[in-house]
């Protein structure tokens, strides 16, 4: 059994990110994070299990770390936790599973059909996913307006990439 007084380094990192998501964002509660993890993967990670992991009572499985990271990122509407963060904290398999999770989410999102998840860096995919998640969960904004915001975001990204491609064509030596 794990040391009850000390969660692992990776779990402590997740706790820190959940408690301090940055900027003016409020702390993400354990209850909200566990509920989001449940939405993402069914009953794979319950609130009691989340609490046992954070207390150090349970050593998390790699898939549980991925769900925790994804849930925290979704609730923060930002890529607070990356696969590299898990890898740096001695959980390389969790990092690889998280990379796969990010790619699969990109592939499954109809708004991101123009993105090749096998060549687009994870941090870019995570940013896009977080921005779309934020738009999709705006409270008090009608669906048609959220759809319009989503379309504008994706259009601006395409325009930026097209402008960069044009610059490269201009600067490319003959």
Protein backbone atom coordinates (compact mmCIF):
# COMPACT_ATOMS: atom_id res chain seq x y z
CA UNK A 1 0.00 0.00 0.00
CA UNK A 2 1.15 3.53 -0.75
CA UNK A 3 2.25 6.01 1.90
CA UNK A 4 -1.02 7.60 3.08
CA UNK A 5 0.69 10.82 4.05
CA UNK A 6 2.34 11.49 0.68
CA UNK A 7 0.79 11.23 -2.77
CA UNK A 8 3.24 10.47 -5.57
CA UNK A 9 4.96 13.29 -7.44
CA UNK A 10 2.62 12.99 -10.41
CA UNK A 11 -0.47 12.97 -8.19
CA UNK A 12 0.80 15.99 -6.26
CA UNK A 13 1.26 17.78 -9.59
CA UNK A 14 -2.35 17.00 -10.56
CA UNK A 15 -3.55 18.22 -7.16
CA UNK A 16 -1.60 21.46 -7.59
CA UNK A 17 -3.06 22.03 -11.08
CA UNK A 18 -6.59 21.29 -9.82
CA UNK A 19 -6.19 23.64 -6.86
CA UNK A 20 -4.44 26.42 -8.80
CA UNK A 21 -5.57 26.37 -12.44
CA UNK A 22 -3.94 29.77 -13.03
CA UNK A 23 -5.05 33.29 -13.74
CA UNK A 24 -8.28 34.29 -12.11
CA UNK A 25 -9.72 30.80 -12.41
CA UNK A 26 -11.16 29.26 -9.30
CA UNK A 27 -10.03 26.03 -7.76
CA UNK A 28 -11.55 22.94 -9.36
CA UNK A 29 -13.29 20.83 -6.75
CA UNK A 30 -12.63 17.13 -6.43
CA UNK A 31 -16.34 16.51 -6.92
CA UNK A 32 -16.46 18.48 -10.19
CA UNK A 33 -13.26 16.88 -11.48
CA UNK A 34 -14.47 13.36 -10.69
CA UNK A 35 -17.85 14.12 -12.30
CA UNK A 36 -16.10 15.30 -15.47
CA UNK A 37 -13.91 12.17 -15.49
CA UNK A 38 -17.08 10.10 -15.22
CA UNK A 39 -18.57 11.98 -18.21
CA UNK A 40 -15.41 11.27 -20.17
CA UNK A 41 -15.18 7.55 -19.42
CA UNK A 42 -18.22 6.24 -17.60
CA UNK A 43 -17.53 4.69 -14.22
CA UNK A 44 -13.80 4.30 -14.79
CA UNK A 45 -12.96 6.85 -12.07
CA UNK A 46 -15.36 7.59 -9.22
CA UNK A 47 -15.12 10.43 -6.73
CA UNK A 48 -14.10 8.08 -3.88
CA UNK A 49 -11.36 6.61 -6.07
CA UNK A 50 -10.17 10.10 -7.02
CA UNK A 51 -9.98 11.03 -3.33
CA UNK A 52 -8.10 7.81 -2.47
CA UNK A 53 -5.57 8.59 -5.22
CA UNK A 54 -5.07 12.15 -4.00
CA UNK A 55 -4.67 11.03 -0.39
CA UNK A 56 -1.93 8.60 -1.40
CA UNK A 57 -4.02 5.61 -0.30
CA UNK A 58 -4.23 4.28 -3.87
CA UNK A 59 -1.49 4.23 -6.47
CA UNK A 60 -3.18 5.38 -9.67
CA UNK A 61 -3.24 3.29 -12.79
CA UNK A 62 -1.97 5.01 -15.92
CA UNK A 63 -5.47 5.28 -17.40
CA UNK A 64 -6.67 6.94 -14.17
CA UNK A 65 -3.94 9.56 -14.46
CA UNK A 66 -5.03 10.25 -18.03
CA UNK A 67 -8.66 10.69 -16.97
CA UNK A 68 -7.63 12.96 -14.11
CA UNK A 69 -5.50 15.13 -16.39
CA UNK A 70 -8.19 15.29 -19.08
CA UNK A 71 -10.90 16.19 -16.56
CA UNK A 72 -8.81 18.95 -14.99
CA UNK A 73 -7.93 20.35 -18.42
CA UNK A 74 -11.57 20.32 -19.52
CA UNK A 75 -12.79 22.10 -16.39
CA UNK A 76 -10.01 24.68 -16.61
CA UNK A 77 -10.74 25.19 -20.33
CA UNK A 78 -7.01 25.10 -20.83
CA UNK A 79 -4.25 22.58 -21.39
CA UNK A 80 -2.85 22.80 -17.86
CA UNK A 81 -1.48 19.27 -17.97
CA UNK A 82 0.38 17.82 -20.95
CA UNK A 83 1.70 14.36 -21.70
CA UNK A 84 5.21 15.70 -21.10
CA UNK A 85 4.16 16.70 -17.57
CA UNK A 86 3.27 13.07 -16.84
CA UNK A 87 6.46 11.82 -18.46
CA UNK A 88 8.63 14.23 -16.44
CA UNK A 89 7.07 12.78 -13.30
CA UNK A 90 8.12 9.21 -14.11
CA UNK A 91 4.89 8.04 -15.71
CA UNK A 92 5.93 7.46 -19.35
CA UNK A 93 3.13 4.98 -20.08
CA UNK A 94 0.53 7.43 -18.76
CA UNK A 95 2.12 10.09 -20.97
CA UNK A 96 1.82 7.88 -24.04
CA UNK A 97 -1.78 6.99 -23.18
CA UNK A 98 -2.52 10.70 -22.79
CA UNK A 99 -1.00 11.39 -26.23
CA UNK A 100 -3.27 8.72 -27.68
CA UNK A 101 -6.25 10.19 -25.80
CA UNK A 102 -5.55 13.63 -27.28
CA UNK A 103 -5.21 12.25 -30.82
CA UNK A 104 -8.43 10.23 -30.49
CA UNK A 105 -10.33 13.25 -29.20
CA UNK A 106 -9.13 15.28 -32.15
CA UNK A 107 -10.19 12.54 -34.58
CA UNK A 108 -13.62 12.24 -32.95
CA UNK A 109 -14.43 15.97 -33.02
CA UNK A 110 -16.23 16.94 -36.25
CA UNK A 111 -14.98 20.51 -35.91
CA UNK A 112 -11.38 19.30 -36.09
CA UNK A 113 -11.65 17.14 -39.22
CA UNK A 114 -9.06 19.34 -40.97
CA UNK A 115 -6.45 18.61 -38.30
CA UNK A 116 -4.12 15.67 -38.78
CA UNK A 117 -3.58 14.47 -35.21
CA UNK A 118 -0.58 12.38 -36.21
CA UNK A 119 1.44 15.44 -37.29
CA UNK A 120 -0.13 18.27 -35.27
CA UNK A 121 1.67 18.74 -31.95
CA UNK A 122 -0.30 17.66 -28.88
CA UNK A 123 -0.14 21.09 -27.29
CA UNK A 124 -1.84 22.59 -30.37
CA UNK A 125 -4.51 19.89 -30.32
CA UNK A 126 -5.03 20.45 -26.60
CA UNK A 127 -5.42 24.20 -27.10
CA UNK A 128 -7.99 23.68 -29.83
CA UNK A 129 -9.87 21.13 -27.76
CA UNK A 130 -9.86 23.45 -24.74
CA UNK A 131 -11.09 26.43 -26.77
CA UNK A 132 -13.87 24.39 -28.33
CA UNK A 133 -14.81 22.98 -24.92
CA UNK A 134 -15.01 26.49 -23.50
CA UNK A 135 -17.26 27.66 -26.33
CA UNK A 136 -19.46 24.57 -26.11
CA UNK A 137 -20.00 24.95 -22.36
CA UNK A 138 -20.78 28.67 -22.28
CA UNK A 139 -23.81 29.15 -20.10
CA UNK A 140 -26.56 31.48 -21.24
CA UNK A 141 -25.37 31.57 -24.85
CA UNK A 142 -27.76 30.09 -27.42
CA UNK A 143 -26.54 27.12 -29.46
CA UNK A 144 -26.59 29.05 -32.75
CA UNK A 145 -24.28 31.70 -31.28
CA UNK A 146 -21.94 29.04 -29.87
CA UNK A 147 -21.84 27.39 -33.30
CA UNK A 148 -21.02 30.73 -34.87
CA UNK A 149 -18.22 31.33 -32.34
CA UNK A 150 -16.81 27.89 -33.09
CA UNK A 151 -16.88 28.58 -36.84
CA UNK A 152 -15.16 31.95 -36.37
CA UNK A 153 -12.43 30.40 -34.23
CA UNK A 154 -11.70 27.73 -36.81
CA UNK A 155 -11.84 30.27 -39.64
CA UNK A 156 -9.33 32.52 -37.87
CA UNK A 157 -6.96 29.59 -37.38
CA UNK A 158 -7.23 28.67 -41.07
CA UNK A 159 -6.61 32.29 -42.08
CA UNK A 160 -3.51 32.46 -39.87
CA UNK A 161 -2.13 29.26 -41.35
CA UNK A 162 -2.86 30.46 -44.90
CA UNK A 163 -1.07 33.76 -44.21
CA UNK A 164 1.95 31.90 -42.86
CA UNK A 165 2.00 29.63 -45.94
CA UNK A 166 1.91 32.72 -48.19
CA UNK A 167 4.87 34.22 -46.30
CA UNK A 168 6.83 31.02 -46.79
CA UNK A 169 6.10 31.06 -50.54
CA UNK A 170 7.33 34.67 -50.73
CA UNK A 171 10.48 34.00 -48.72
CA UNK A 172 11.31 30.62 -50.25
CA UNK A 173 14.51 30.90 -52.26
CA UNK A 174 14.19 29.83 -55.89
